[in-house]
Amino acid sequence: MEQRRHASLTGVTDVLSFDEETIVADTVEGALVFRGRDLHITKLDLDRGELNVDGEFTGVSYEDSVPFKSGLFGRIFR
């Protein structure tokens, strides 16, 4: 991560959801959640497991369960 404005990740297996305030990426270590403002995926290469994200980060955390699976999508895709 560089100055809370750019992040480069490896080990990414999928991007589960994204918008300008939240990006949820599935990684080999679990779901990684970026929170912030004006978030944008600038590079995604699932064959190499690479993800680059730009924006103003307010939080980054690993989640045991994927946040959106507990809502409407969770009930639909069980």
N, C-alpha and C. Protein backbone atom coordinates (compact mmCIF):
# COMPACT_ATOMS: atom_id res chain seq x y z
N MET A 1 0.85 -1.16 0.00
CA MET A 1 0.00 0.00 0.00
C MET A 1 0.91 1.23 0.00
N GLU A 2 0.52 2.23 -0.77
CA GLU A 2 1.29 3.46 -0.87
C GLU A 2 0.40 4.64 -0.48
N GLN A 3 0.77 5.32 0.59
CA GLN A 3 0.12 6.55 1.06
C GLN A 3 -1.40 6.45 1.16
N ARG A 4 -1.90 5.27 1.48
CA ARG A 4 -3.35 5.03 1.63
C ARG A 4 -4.14 5.44 0.38
N ARG A 5 -3.47 5.43 -0.81
CA ARG A 5 -4.13 5.81 -2.06
C ARG A 5 -3.99 4.74 -3.14
N HIS A 6 -3.06 3.79 -2.97
CA HIS A 6 -2.84 2.75 -3.98
C HIS A 6 -2.44 1.45 -3.27
N ALA A 7 -3.03 0.35 -3.73
CA ALA A 7 -2.68 -0.96 -3.18
C ALA A 7 -2.47 -1.94 -4.32
N SER A 8 -1.44 -2.76 -4.20
CA SER A 8 -1.15 -3.84 -5.15
C SER A 8 -1.20 -5.14 -4.38
N LEU A 9 -2.00 -6.09 -4.85
CA LEU A 9 -2.16 -7.37 -4.16
C LEU A 9 -1.81 -8.51 -5.07
N THR A 10 -1.38 -9.61 -4.45
CA THR A 10 -1.21 -10.88 -5.15
C THR A 10 -2.01 -11.93 -4.38
N GLY A 11 -2.24 -13.06 -5.01
CA GLY A 11 -3.01 -14.12 -4.37
C GLY A 11 -4.51 -13.93 -4.48
N VAL A 12 -4.94 -13.06 -5.38
CA VAL A 12 -6.37 -12.79 -5.56
C VAL A 12 -6.96 -13.86 -6.47
N THR A 13 -8.06 -14.48 -6.02
CA THR A 13 -8.71 -15.50 -6.82
C THR A 13 -10.00 -15.01 -7.48
N ASP A 14 -10.58 -13.92 -6.95
CA ASP A 14 -11.82 -13.38 -7.52
C ASP A 14 -12.12 -12.03 -6.87
N VAL A 15 -12.90 -11.21 -7.55
CA VAL A 15 -13.46 -9.99 -6.95
C VAL A 15 -14.94 -10.27 -6.77
N LEU A 16 -15.39 -10.30 -5.51
CA LEU A 16 -16.75 -10.70 -5.20
C LEU A 16 -17.75 -9.57 -5.34
N SER A 17 -17.33 -8.35 -5.02
CA SER A 17 -18.21 -7.19 -5.20
C SER A 17 -17.34 -5.95 -5.18
N PHE A 18 -17.86 -4.88 -5.81
CA PHE A 18 -17.13 -3.63 -5.80
C PHE A 18 -18.06 -2.47 -6.12
N ASP A 19 -17.77 -1.35 -5.51
CA ASP A 19 -18.37 -0.07 -5.85
C ASP A 19 -17.37 0.99 -5.42
N GLU A 20 -17.75 2.24 -5.42
CA GLU A 20 -16.80 3.31 -5.11
C GLU A 20 -16.45 3.40 -3.63
N GLU A 21 -17.16 2.65 -2.77
CA GLU A 21 -16.89 2.71 -1.33
C GLU A 21 -16.38 1.39 -0.75
N THR A 22 -16.59 0.27 -1.44
CA THR A 22 -16.19 -1.04 -0.92
C THR A 22 -15.77 -1.96 -2.05
N ILE A 23 -14.64 -2.64 -1.87
CA ILE A 23 -14.21 -3.69 -2.80
C ILE A 23 -13.95 -4.93 -1.95
N VAL A 24 -14.58 -6.05 -2.34
CA VAL A 24 -14.39 -7.31 -1.65
C VAL A 24 -13.69 -8.26 -2.60
N ALA A 25 -12.46 -8.65 -2.25
CA ALA A 25 -11.68 -9.56 -3.07
C ALA A 25 -11.48 -10.87 -2.32
N ASP A 26 -11.67 -11.97 -3.03
CA ASP A 26 -11.39 -13.28 -2.46
C ASP A 26 -9.92 -13.58 -2.73
N THR A 27 -9.18 -13.94 -1.69
CA THR A 27 -7.76 -14.25 -1.82
C THR A 27 -7.50 -15.65 -1.28
N VAL A 28 -6.29 -16.11 -1.47
CA VAL A 28 -5.92 -17.42 -0.94
C VAL A 28 -5.95 -17.44 0.58
N GLU A 29 -5.96 -16.27 1.22
CA GLU A 29 -6.00 -16.15 2.68
C GLU A 29 -7.39 -15.80 3.22
N GLY A 30 -8.38 -15.67 2.33
CA GLY A 30 -9.73 -15.30 2.74
C GLY A 30 -10.18 -14.02 2.05
N ALA A 31 -11.36 -13.54 2.42
CA ALA A 31 -11.91 -12.33 1.81
C ALA A 31 -11.20 -11.10 2.37
N LEU A 32 -10.78 -10.21 1.48
CA LEU A 32 -10.13 -8.97 1.86
C LEU A 32 -11.04 -7.82 1.45
N VAL A 33 -11.38 -6.95 2.41
CA VAL A 33 -12.33 -5.88 2.17
C VAL A 33 -11.61 -4.54 2.25
N PHE A 34 -11.72 -3.76 1.18
CA PHE A 34 -11.23 -2.38 1.14
C PHE A 34 -12.42 -1.46 1.33
N ARG A 35 -12.29 -0.49 2.22
CA ARG A 35 -13.33 0.53 2.40
C ARG A 35 -12.70 1.89 2.19
N GLY A 36 -13.48 2.81 1.61
CA GLY A 36 -12.95 4.14 1.38
C GLY A 36 -13.85 4.96 0.47
N ARG A 37 -13.22 5.89 -0.24
CA ARG A 37 -13.95 6.77 -1.16
C ARG A 37 -13.27 6.76 -2.52
N ASP A 38 -14.07 6.84 -3.56
CA ASP A 38 -13.57 6.87 -4.94
C ASP A 38 -12.65 5.68 -5.25
N LEU A 39 -13.02 4.50 -4.80
CA LEU A 39 -12.21 3.30 -5.04
C LEU A 39 -12.41 2.83 -6.47
N HIS A 40 -11.30 2.46 -7.12
CA HIS A 40 -11.34 1.98 -8.50
C HIS A 40 -10.35 0.83 -8.65
N ILE A 41 -10.78 -0.20 -9.36
CA ILE A 41 -9.88 -1.29 -9.71
C ILE A 41 -9.16 -0.86 -10.98
N THR A 42 -7.84 -0.71 -10.87
CA THR A 42 -7.07 -0.27 -12.04
C THR A 42 -6.44 -1.43 -12.79
N LYS A 43 -6.30 -2.58 -12.11
CA LYS A 43 -5.77 -3.77 -12.78
C LYS A 43 -6.34 -5.00 -12.08
N LEU A 44 -6.79 -5.95 -12.89
CA LEU A 44 -7.25 -7.23 -12.37
C LEU A 44 -6.78 -8.31 -13.32
N ASP A 45 -5.93 -9.20 -12.85
CA ASP A 45 -5.43 -10.32 -13.64
C ASP A 45 -5.58 -11.58 -12.78
N LEU A 46 -6.70 -12.27 -12.96
CA LEU A 46 -6.98 -13.44 -12.13
C LEU A 46 -6.07 -14.61 -12.48
N ASP A 47 -5.56 -14.67 -13.72
CA ASP A 47 -4.63 -15.73 -14.08
C ASP A 47 -3.35 -15.63 -13.26
N ARG A 48 -2.91 -14.41 -12.98
CA ARG A 48 -1.71 -14.18 -12.17
C ARG A 48 -2.04 -13.89 -10.71
N GLY A 49 -3.33 -13.69 -10.41
CA GLY A 49 -3.75 -13.39 -9.04
C GLY A 49 -3.41 -11.99 -8.59
N GLU A 50 -3.40 -11.02 -9.53
CA GLU A 50 -3.00 -9.65 -9.22
C GLU A 50 -4.19 -8.70 -9.25
N LEU A 51 -4.19 -7.76 -8.30
CA LEU A 51 -5.23 -6.74 -8.21
C LEU A 51 -4.57 -5.43 -7.78
N ASN A 52 -4.86 -4.35 -8.50
CA ASN A 52 -4.43 -3.01 -8.12
C ASN A 52 -5.67 -2.17 -7.87
N VAL A 53 -5.66 -1.44 -6.76
CA VAL A 53 -6.79 -0.60 -6.38
C VAL A 53 -6.28 0.80 -6.07
N ASP A 54 -6.99 1.81 -6.59
CA ASP A 54 -6.68 3.21 -6.29
C ASP A 54 -7.89 3.84 -5.62
N GLY A 55 -7.66 4.86 -4.80
CA GLY A 55 -8.72 5.60 -4.13
C GLY A 55 -8.23 6.07 -2.78
N GLU A 56 -9.14 6.55 -1.98
CA GLU A 56 -8.82 7.00 -0.63
C GLU A 56 -9.28 5.93 0.36
N PHE A 57 -8.32 5.16 0.89
CA PHE A 57 -8.65 4.05 1.78
C PHE A 57 -8.91 4.55 3.20
N THR A 58 -10.01 4.05 3.77
CA THR A 58 -10.30 4.34 5.18
C THR A 58 -10.18 3.08 6.03
N GLY A 59 -10.14 1.91 5.37
CA GLY A 59 -9.98 0.67 6.11
C GLY A 59 -9.73 -0.50 5.19
N VAL A 60 -8.94 -1.44 5.68
CA VAL A 60 -8.67 -2.69 4.97
C VAL A 60 -8.69 -3.80 6.01
N SER A 61 -9.46 -4.86 5.72
CA SER A 61 -9.54 -5.95 6.71
C SER A 61 -9.81 -7.27 6.03
N TYR A 62 -9.36 -8.35 6.68
CA TYR A 62 -9.73 -9.69 6.27
C TYR A 62 -11.04 -10.04 6.98
N GLU A 63 -11.91 -10.73 6.27
CA GLU A 63 -13.20 -11.13 6.84
C GLU A 63 -13.30 -12.65 6.81
N ASP A 64 -13.82 -13.22 7.90
CA ASP A 64 -14.04 -14.66 7.95
C ASP A 64 -15.17 -15.08 7.02
N SER A 65 -16.19 -14.25 6.95
CA SER A 65 -17.30 -14.52 6.03
C SER A 65 -17.45 -13.32 5.11
N VAL A 66 -17.89 -13.58 3.91
CA VAL A 66 -18.02 -12.52 2.92
C VAL A 66 -19.23 -11.66 3.28
N PRO A 67 -19.05 -10.33 3.42
CA PRO A 67 -20.13 -9.46 3.90
C PRO A 67 -21.42 -9.54 3.10
N PHE A 68 -21.37 -9.58 1.77
CA PHE A 68 -22.60 -9.52 1.01
C PHE A 68 -23.36 -10.84 1.03
N LYS A 69 -22.76 -11.94 1.47
CA LYS A 69 -23.46 -13.22 1.48
C LYS A 69 -24.50 -13.29 2.59
N SER A 70 -24.48 -12.36 3.54
CA SER A 70 -25.47 -12.42 4.61
C SER A 70 -26.75 -11.67 4.25
N GLY A 71 -26.76 -10.94 3.16
CA GLY A 71 -27.93 -10.19 2.74
C GLY A 71 -28.74 -10.95 1.70
N LEU A 72 -29.30 -10.21 0.79
CA LEU A 72 -30.14 -10.77 -0.27
C LEU A 72 -29.38 -11.80 -1.10
N PHE A 73 -28.14 -11.48 -1.49
CA PHE A 73 -27.35 -12.42 -2.31
C PHE A 73 -27.09 -13.71 -1.54
N GLY A 74 -26.87 -13.64 -0.26
CA GLY A 74 -26.63 -14.83 0.54
C GLY A 74 -27.83 -15.76 0.55
N ARG A 75 -29.00 -15.18 0.62
CA ARG A 75 -30.22 -16.01 0.62
C ARG A 75 -30.47 -16.61 -0.77
N ILE A 76 -30.09 -15.89 -1.82
CA ILE A 76 -30.32 -16.38 -3.18
C ILE A 76 -29.31 -17.46 -3.54
N PHE A 77 -28.03 -17.27 -3.17
CA PHE A 77 -26.96 -18.15 -3.64
C PHE A 77 -26.48 -19.14 -2.59
N ARG A 78 -27.34 -19.65 -1.75
CA ARG A 78 -26.96 -20.68 -0.77
C ARG A 78 -26.78 -22.01 -1.41
